Amino acid sequence: MAKKLTLGYSPCPNDTFIFHGLASGSIEWPGGLDITLADVEELNSKAAKGALDVVKVSVAAAADILDDYVLLRSGGAMGYGVGPILVAQGECELASLDGKTIAIPGKKTTANLLFGLCCREAGINVTLKELVFDEVMPAVAAGEVDAGVVIHEGRFTFQEQGMVRILDLGAWWEGHTGLPIPLGAIAVKRSLGEGVARQMNEAIRQSLLGARKNPAAASEYIKAHAQEMDDAVIREHIDTFVTDYSLDIGEAGEQAVERLLGEAGWKEGDVFISL
């Protein structure tokens, strides 16, 4: 009898869109799935502890778990023009933030890694304040921090909150590497075996294809977990973060992930499942 697997992903629209088929049972998984929805940094922490069989992680955090996990080719978030942004209450230059306090959505997030690379290039040092992603802009607005690194729907709503974009961290990455920005990936425990990993990769791919074919079917599930977003923002979120790289990362995606993993401290070894 097939083993029931634990699966974790975020409540953000891109993930609930991709995984609706598996969550609803329209894409069957032998043995069933025990699903956890959690903030990306919480998922990174669970992966570091080996607490989930299959888990969405920040690509930056994957550098620390590749001895125990392997990355799938489907289900991730990657693309051009999809990166995190640095925002503040007023216009300023990155260099002027030297010595200031900056809110980040978790130390192991790809967003924080990119911000750190930008700070290193600019030769500045900052104090980091870790917050849940949806607490970053309120902290900036309240003057609790001098600027904040914004992810997810914040990319579309920061101006409504009176924020100014200081730097597009994804555009910075693209300009330096020519590669898409790899934000998140799906990791599967190596101990489950290559067969299960390949089967999960295909199940996620079919779940995504089903959502694209009939997006209305996933609408209620997506809205139930979205962070108070209207339909237009949800749609923009999905269109931005669910790309063809989410079906298969391709050669450019492999290069992007391995380049980012290198920046995060990964040395060498196999990263992705073989198909």
Protein backbone atom coordinates (compact mmCIF):
# COMPACT_ATOMS: atom_id res chain seq x y z
CA MET A 1 0.00 0.00 0.00
CA ALA A 2 1.31 3.44 -0.94
CA LYS A 3 2.50 5.69 1.88
CA LYS A 4 0.59 8.84 2.73
CA LEU A 5 2.87 11.83 2.16
CA THR A 6 3.07 15.19 3.93
CA LEU A 7 3.00 18.15 1.54
CA GLY A 8 3.57 21.80 2.38
CA TYR A 9 3.12 24.95 0.31
CA SER A 10 2.15 28.56 0.92
CA PRO A 11 -1.38 30.03 0.96
CA CYS A 12 -0.39 32.47 -1.80
CA PRO A 13 -2.45 32.36 -5.01
CA ASN A 14 0.35 30.98 -7.17
CA ASP A 15 0.74 27.93 -4.91
CA THR A 16 -2.96 27.32 -4.29
CA PHE A 17 -3.53 27.63 -8.05
CA ILE A 18 -0.81 25.08 -8.83
CA PHE A 19 -1.74 22.62 -6.08
CA HIS A 20 -5.53 22.83 -6.20
CA GLY A 21 -5.79 19.66 -8.26
CA LEU A 22 -3.87 17.65 -5.68
CA ALA A 23 -5.63 19.33 -2.76
CA SER A 24 -9.09 18.68 -4.22
CA GLY A 25 -8.35 15.12 -5.27
CA SER A 26 -8.98 15.75 -8.95
CA ILE A 27 -5.36 14.69 -9.36
CA GLU A 28 -5.10 11.51 -7.31
CA TRP A 29 -2.11 10.62 -5.21
CA PRO A 30 -1.77 6.96 -4.14
CA GLY A 31 -1.94 6.79 -0.35
CA GLY A 32 -3.23 10.34 -0.05
CA LEU A 33 -1.67 13.62 1.08
CA ASP A 34 -1.54 15.39 4.42
CA ILE A 35 -1.36 19.07 3.37
CA THR A 36 0.06 21.97 5.36
CA LEU A 37 -0.26 25.60 4.24
CA ALA A 38 2.25 27.96 5.84
CA ASP A 39 4.31 31.09 5.29
CA VAL A 40 7.38 30.54 3.12
CA GLU A 41 9.85 31.07 5.96
CA GLU A 42 7.94 28.59 8.13
CA LEU A 43 8.15 26.10 5.27
CA ASN A 44 11.88 26.74 4.98
CA SER A 45 12.20 25.94 8.68
CA LYS A 46 10.15 22.77 8.37
CA ALA A 47 12.31 21.63 5.46
CA ALA A 48 15.48 22.28 7.46
CA LYS A 49 14.09 19.94 10.13
CA GLY A 50 13.00 17.33 7.58
CA ALA A 51 9.42 17.71 8.82
CA LEU A 52 7.70 17.39 5.42
CA ASP A 53 8.04 14.83 2.62
CA VAL A 54 7.32 17.35 -0.14
CA VAL A 55 7.70 21.07 0.50
CA LYS A 56 7.81 24.41 -1.29
CA VAL A 57 11.00 26.20 -0.24
CA SER A 58 12.84 29.36 -1.12
CA VAL A 59 15.61 28.48 -3.55
CA ALA A 60 18.06 30.23 -1.22
CA ALA A 61 17.00 27.90 1.62
CA ALA A 62 17.39 24.84 -0.60
CA ALA A 63 21.17 25.21 -0.38
CA ASP A 64 21.03 23.86 3.18
CA ILE A 65 18.76 20.85 2.58
CA LEU A 66 20.07 19.21 -0.60
CA ASP A 67 21.70 16.36 1.31
CA ASP A 68 18.22 15.22 2.31
CA TYR A 69 16.01 16.63 -0.45
CA VAL A 70 16.07 16.83 -4.24
CA LEU A 71 14.34 19.55 -6.25
CA LEU A 72 11.54 18.87 -8.70
CA ARG A 73 11.37 20.45 -12.13
CA SER A 74 7.73 21.54 -11.75
CA GLY A 75 5.73 23.58 -9.27
CA GLY A 76 8.22 26.36 -8.57
CA ALA A 77 8.13 30.12 -8.94
CA MET A 78 10.60 31.54 -11.43
CA GLY A 79 10.66 34.07 -14.22
CA TYR A 80 11.63 37.51 -15.43
CA GLY A 81 10.12 40.56 -13.76
CA VAL A 82 8.93 38.56 -10.77
CA GLY A 83 11.52 39.42 -8.14
CA PRO A 84 11.14 41.04 -4.72
CA ILE A 85 11.38 44.80 -4.37
CA LEU A 86 12.87 47.15 -1.78
CA VAL A 87 10.41 49.84 -0.71
CA ALA A 88 10.45 52.88 1.58
CA GLN A 89 8.13 55.75 2.48
CA GLY A 90 10.00 58.21 0.28
CA GLU A 91 12.55 58.39 -2.51
CA CYS A 92 16.09 57.42 -1.52
CA GLU A 93 19.15 55.63 -2.83
CA LEU A 94 20.28 52.21 -1.65
CA ALA A 95 23.53 53.72 -0.39
CA SER A 96 21.60 56.02 1.95
CA LEU A 97 20.32 52.98 3.85
CA ASP A 98 23.76 52.26 5.26
CA GLY A 99 23.37 51.68 9.00
CA LYS A 100 19.56 51.64 8.76
CA THR A 101 17.04 48.96 9.79
CA ILE A 102 15.43 46.99 6.98
CA ALA A 103 12.51 44.58 7.28
CA ILE A 104 12.88 41.24 5.50
CA PRO A 105 10.39 38.35 5.04
CA GLY A 106 12.75 35.77 6.63
CA LYS A 107 16.50 35.17 6.66
CA LYS A 108 16.34 32.07 4.48
CA THR A 109 14.20 33.61 1.75
CA THR A 110 15.52 34.24 -1.74
CA ALA A 111 14.46 37.85 -1.19
CA ASN A 112 16.88 38.27 1.70
CA LEU A 113 19.72 36.60 -0.22
CA LEU A 114 19.22 38.99 -3.14
CA PHE A 115 19.06 41.98 -0.81
CA GLY A 116 22.29 40.88 0.84
CA LEU A 117 24.01 40.58 -2.53
CA CYS A 118 22.86 44.09 -3.45
CA CYS A 119 24.11 45.48 -0.13
CA ARG A 120 27.47 43.78 -0.61
CA GLU A 121 27.85 45.28 -4.07
CA ALA A 122 26.87 48.73 -2.73
CA GLY A 123 29.28 48.36 0.20
CA ILE A 124 26.67 49.04 2.87
CA ASN A 125 25.75 47.37 6.15
CA VAL A 126 22.21 47.26 7.51
CA THR A 127 20.34 45.84 10.49
CA LEU A 128 17.76 43.25 9.51
CA LYS A 129 14.37 42.84 11.16
CA GLU A 130 12.64 39.55 10.36
CA LEU A 131 8.88 39.73 9.83
CA VAL A 132 6.17 37.65 8.19
CA PHE A 133 5.90 38.87 4.59
CA ASP A 134 2.57 40.68 5.07
CA GLU A 135 3.94 42.60 8.08
CA VAL A 136 6.75 44.26 6.10
CA MET A 137 4.86 47.16 4.51
CA PRO A 138 2.90 48.02 7.68
CA ALA A 139 6.23 48.21 9.52
CA VAL A 140 7.60 50.59 6.89
CA ALA A 141 4.44 52.69 6.99
CA ALA A 142 4.58 52.90 10.80
CA GLY A 143 8.20 54.03 10.73
CA GLU A 144 9.33 50.94 12.66
CA VAL A 145 11.92 50.27 9.93
CA ASP A 146 13.57 52.48 7.33
CA ALA A 147 12.74 50.25 4.36
CA GLY A 148 11.44 46.77 3.63
CA VAL A 149 11.90 43.91 1.19
CA VAL A 150 8.49 43.07 -0.25
CA ILE A 151 7.41 39.79 -1.84
CA HIS A 152 4.21 38.16 -3.12
CA GLU A 153 1.26 40.53 -3.68
CA GLY A 154 3.20 43.43 -2.20
CA ARG A 155 4.81 43.79 -5.61
CA PHE A 156 1.42 44.93 -6.95
CA THR A 157 0.06 46.88 -3.99
CA PHE A 158 3.00 48.84 -2.54
CA GLN A 159 1.99 52.07 -4.27
CA GLU A 160 -1.52 51.84 -2.82
CA GLN A 161 0.14 51.69 0.60
CA GLY A 162 2.05 54.90 -0.08
CA MET A 163 5.37 53.13 -0.66
CA VAL A 164 8.08 54.03 -3.17
CA ARG A 165 10.17 51.39 -4.92
CA ILE A 166 13.86 51.89 -4.18
CA LEU A 167 15.21 48.85 -6.01
CA ASP A 168 13.83 45.91 -7.98
CA LEU A 169 15.95 43.03 -6.68
CA GLY A 170 14.81 40.69 -9.45
CA ALA A 171 15.82 43.19 -12.12
CA TRP A 172 19.19 43.54 -10.38
CA TRP A 173 19.67 39.77 -10.61
CA GLU A 174 18.58 39.65 -14.25
CA GLY A 175 20.96 42.48 -15.14
CA HIS A 176 23.89 40.70 -13.52
CA THR A 177 23.19 37.17 -14.73
CA GLY A 178 20.88 37.35 -17.74
CA LEU A 179 18.92 34.55 -16.07
CA PRO A 180 15.38 34.34 -14.69
CA ILE A 181 15.05 34.83 -10.95
CA PRO A 182 14.39 31.53 -9.13
CA LEU A 183 12.21 32.37 -6.14
CA GLY A 184 10.86 29.02 -4.94
CA ALA A 185 11.08 25.33 -5.75
CA ILE A 186 9.49 22.07 -4.68
CA ALA A 187 11.73 19.75 -2.70
CA VAL A 188 11.12 16.01 -2.14
CA LYS A 189 12.88 13.82 0.38
CA ARG A 190 15.57 11.71 -1.28
CA SER A 191 14.68 8.80 1.02
CA LEU A 192 11.37 8.40 -0.82
CA GLY A 193 13.25 7.32 -3.94
CA GLU A 194 13.52 8.62 -7.49
CA GLY A 195 10.31 6.91 -8.57
CA VAL A 196 8.18 8.79 -6.04
CA ALA A 197 9.96 12.05 -6.89
CA ARG A 198 9.23 11.63 -10.60
CA GLN A 199 5.63 10.66 -9.85
CA MET A 200 5.18 13.76 -7.69
CA ASN A 201 6.77 15.96 -10.36
CA GLU A 202 4.24 14.72 -12.90
CA ALA A 203 1.32 15.00 -10.47
CA ILE A 204 2.16 18.66 -9.78
CA ARG A 205 2.54 19.31 -13.48
CA GLN A 206 -0.88 17.78 -14.17
CA SER A 207 -2.38 19.77 -11.30
CA LEU A 208 -1.07 22.98 -12.86
CA LEU A 209 -2.26 22.02 -16.34
CA GLY A 210 -5.70 21.31 -14.91
CA ALA A 211 -5.83 24.71 -13.22
CA ARG A 212 -4.87 26.43 -16.45
CA LYS A 213 -7.54 24.51 -18.36
CA ASN A 214 -10.26 25.28 -15.81
CA PRO A 215 -9.16 28.19 -13.57
CA ALA A 216 -12.68 28.73 -12.22
CA ALA A 217 -12.53 25.36 -10.44
CA ALA A 218 -9.67 26.56 -8.25
CA SER A 219 -11.12 30.02 -7.57
CA GLU A 220 -12.87 29.30 -4.26
CA TYR A 221 -9.84 27.45 -2.87
CA ILE A 222 -7.51 30.29 -3.86
CA LYS A 223 -9.73 33.01 -2.36
CA ALA A 224 -10.16 31.07 0.88
CA HIS A 225 -6.43 31.33 1.55
CA ALA A 226 -5.53 34.65 -0.12
CA GLN A 227 -4.43 37.61 2.00
CA GLU A 228 -7.48 39.88 1.53
CA MET A 229 -6.89 40.36 -2.18
CA ASP A 230 -9.42 41.36 -4.77
CA ASP A 231 -9.90 39.33 -7.93
CA ALA A 232 -7.69 41.56 -10.07
CA VAL A 233 -4.74 41.29 -7.69
CA ILE A 234 -5.19 37.51 -7.39
CA ARG A 235 -5.20 37.20 -11.17
CA GLU A 236 -2.10 39.36 -11.52
CA HIS A 237 -0.38 37.36 -8.78
CA ILE A 238 -1.02 34.08 -10.61
CA ASP A 239 -0.11 35.49 -14.03
CA THR A 240 3.16 36.84 -12.63
CA PHE A 241 4.39 33.94 -10.52
CA VAL A 242 2.97 30.93 -12.38
CA THR A 243 5.02 30.77 -15.58
CA ASP A 244 6.10 28.12 -18.04
CA TYR A 245 9.04 27.57 -15.69
CA SER A 246 6.43 26.27 -13.23
CA LEU A 247 5.70 23.43 -15.64
CA ASP A 248 9.37 22.66 -16.22
CA ILE A 249 12.34 24.79 -15.30
CA GLY A 250 14.22 24.04 -18.52
CA GLU A 251 17.92 24.59 -19.10
CA ALA A 252 17.90 28.30 -18.25
CA GLY A 253 16.01 27.52 -15.07
CA GLU A 254 18.58 24.92 -14.03
CA GLN A 255 21.37 27.45 -14.59
CA ALA A 256 19.50 30.10 -12.60
CA VAL A 257 18.85 27.80 -9.63
CA GLU A 258 22.42 26.53 -9.53
CA ARG A 259 23.78 30.08 -9.79
CA LEU A 260 21.61 31.24 -6.89
CA LEU A 261 22.40 28.14 -4.83
CA GLY A 262 26.08 28.95 -5.29
CA GLU A 263 25.48 32.43 -3.90
CA ALA A 264 23.72 30.79 -0.94
CA GLY A 265 26.69 28.55 -0.14
CA TRP A 266 25.88 25.34 -2.00
CA LYS A 267 29.00 23.65 -3.32
CA GLU A 268 28.20 20.83 -5.70
CA GLY A 269 26.11 17.71 -6.21
CA ASP A 270 22.91 16.73 -7.98
CA VAL A 271 20.12 19.24 -7.45
CA PHE A 272 17.20 18.10 -9.61
CA ILE A 273 15.41 14.85 -10.23
CA SER A 274 16.34 13.11 -13.47
CA LEU A 275 13.49 12.41 -15.87
